[in-house]
Amino acid sequence: MAFTEGRTKTGGREKGVGNKSTEQLREMVGKLMEDNVERIQTDIDSLEPKDRVKALIDLMRFALPILAP
């Protein structure tokens, strides 16, 4: 059914509420990283400097929010 003018939204998520499955996935990835931090550090230390920097930048995407322009 198409949205018609004058009607209000009913049902669904409230504005600003996150997706439940995305939240669960982020928690699982965070737990995985926490449980393997020593192994990850060892693997990163064994990389060449340019690859090490790339790996760290890629990992930062999971820890830091992406800034909007």
C-alpha atoms as a PDB file:
ATOM      1  CA  MET A   1       0.000   0.000   0.000  1.00  0.00           C
ATOM      2  CA  ALA A   2       1.465   3.347  -0.995  1.00  0.00           C
ATOM      3  CA  PHE A   3       1.990   6.107   1.546  1.00  0.00           C
ATOM      4  CA  THR A   4      -0.650   8.781   1.210  1.00  0.00           C
ATOM      5  CA  GLU A   5      -0.331  12.321   2.456  1.00  0.00           C
ATOM      6  CA  GLY A   6      -1.852  12.973   5.858  1.00  0.00           C
ATOM      7  CA  ARG A   7      -1.218   9.470   7.194  1.00  0.00           C
ATOM      8  CA  THR A   8       1.339   8.827   9.887  1.00  0.00           C
ATOM      9  CA  LYS A   9       3.829   5.998   9.990  1.00  0.00           C
ATOM     10  CA  THR A  10       2.684   3.007  11.996  1.00  0.00           C
ATOM     11  CA  GLY A  11       4.794   0.034  13.078  1.00  0.00           C
ATOM     12  CA  GLY A  12       8.411  -0.602  12.337  1.00  0.00           C
ATOM     13  CA  ARG A  13      11.453   0.654  14.218  1.00  0.00           C
ATOM     14  CA  GLU A  14      11.574   4.024  15.912  1.00  0.00           C
ATOM     15  CA  LYS A  15      13.793   6.601  14.252  1.00  0.00           C
ATOM     16  CA  GLY A  16      17.414   6.186  15.359  1.00  0.00           C
ATOM     17  CA  VAL A  17      17.058   2.622  16.653  1.00  0.00           C
ATOM     18  CA  GLY A  18      19.737   0.326  15.263  1.00  0.00           C
ATOM     19  CA  ASN A  19      19.268  -2.930  13.406  1.00  0.00           C
ATOM     20  CA  LYS A  20      19.282  -5.832  15.900  1.00  0.00           C
ATOM     21  CA  SER A  21      21.194  -8.280  13.668  1.00  0.00           C
ATOM     22  CA  THR A  22      23.871  -5.665  12.913  1.00  0.00           C
ATOM     23  CA  GLU A  23      24.291  -5.036  16.648  1.00  0.00           C
ATOM     24  CA  GLN A  24      24.700  -8.752  17.313  1.00  0.00           C
ATOM     25  CA  LEU A  25      27.244  -9.092  14.510  1.00  0.00           C
ATOM     26  CA  ARG A  26      29.297  -6.176  15.861  1.00  0.00           C
ATOM     27  CA  GLU A  27      29.300  -7.746  19.326  1.00  0.00           C
ATOM     28  CA  MET A  28      30.451 -11.090  17.904  1.00  0.00           C
ATOM     29  CA  VAL A  29      33.260  -9.493  15.882  1.00  0.00           C
ATOM     30  CA  GLY A  30      34.333  -7.495  18.952  1.00  0.00           C
ATOM     31  CA  LYS A  31      34.419 -10.652  21.085  1.00  0.00           C
ATOM     32  CA  LEU A  32      36.369 -12.495  18.398  1.00  0.00           C
ATOM     33  CA  MET A  33      38.953  -9.696  18.279  1.00  0.00           C
ATOM     34  CA  GLU A  34      39.215  -9.520  22.085  1.00  0.00           C
ATOM     35  CA  ASP A  35      39.766 -13.268  22.370  1.00  0.00           C
ATOM     36  CA  ASN A  36      42.489 -13.236  19.694  1.00  0.00           C
ATOM     37  CA  VAL A  37      44.268  -9.946  20.373  1.00  0.00           C
ATOM     38  CA  GLU A  38      47.645 -11.600  21.103  1.00  0.00           C
ATOM     39  CA  ARG A  39      47.496 -13.704  17.957  1.00  0.00           C
ATOM     40  CA  ILE A  40      46.445 -10.704  15.867  1.00  0.00           C
ATOM     41  CA  GLN A  41      49.345  -8.673  17.305  1.00  0.00           C
ATOM     42  CA  THR A  42      51.804 -11.477  16.470  1.00  0.00           C
ATOM     43  CA  ASP A  43      50.458 -11.687  12.927  1.00  0.00           C
ATOM     44  CA  ILE A  44      50.646  -7.915  12.467  1.00  0.00           C
ATOM     45  CA  ASP A  45      54.213  -7.827  13.806  1.00  0.00           C
ATOM     46  CA  SER A  46      55.250 -10.398  11.187  1.00  0.00           C
ATOM     47  CA  LEU A  47      54.031  -8.220   8.285  1.00  0.00           C
ATOM     48  CA  GLU A  48      56.128  -5.890   6.164  1.00  0.00           C
ATOM     49  CA  PRO A  49      55.779  -2.223   7.249  1.00  0.00           C
ATOM     50  CA  LYS A  50      53.499  -1.203   4.332  1.00  0.00           C
ATOM     51  CA  ASP A  51      51.263  -4.248   4.889  1.00  0.00           C
ATOM     52  CA  ARG A  52      51.239  -3.585   8.642  1.00  0.00           C
ATOM     53  CA  VAL A  53      49.967  -0.030   8.103  1.00  0.00           C
ATOM     54  CA  LYS A  54      47.277  -1.280   5.701  1.00  0.00           C
ATOM     55  CA  ALA A  55      46.147  -3.933   8.193  1.00  0.00           C
ATOM     56  CA  LEU A  56      45.928  -1.377  11.007  1.00  0.00           C
ATOM     57  CA  ILE A  57      43.919   1.029   8.852  1.00  0.00           C
ATOM     58  CA  ASP A  58      41.551  -1.793   7.882  1.00  0.00           C
ATOM     59  CA  LEU A  59      41.093  -2.775  11.547  1.00  0.00           C
ATOM     60  CA  MET A  60      40.387   0.833  12.544  1.00  0.00           C
ATOM     61  CA  ARG A  61      37.182   0.709  10.486  1.00  0.00           C
ATOM     62  CA  PHE A  62      35.734  -1.632  13.103  1.00  0.00           C
ATOM     63  CA  ALA A  63      36.770   0.492  16.079  1.00  0.00           C
ATOM     64  CA  LEU A  64      36.253   4.085  14.965  1.00  0.00           C
ATOM     65  CA  PRO A  65      33.054   5.635  13.606  1.00  0.00           C
ATOM     66  CA  ILE A  66      33.135   6.757   9.994  1.00  0.00           C
ATOM     67  CA  LEU A  67      32.908  10.541   9.790  1.00  0.00           C
ATOM     68  CA  ALA A  68      30.456  12.037   7.358  1.00  0.00           C
ATOM     69  CA  PRO A  69      31.746  14.923   5.198  1.00  0.00           C
END
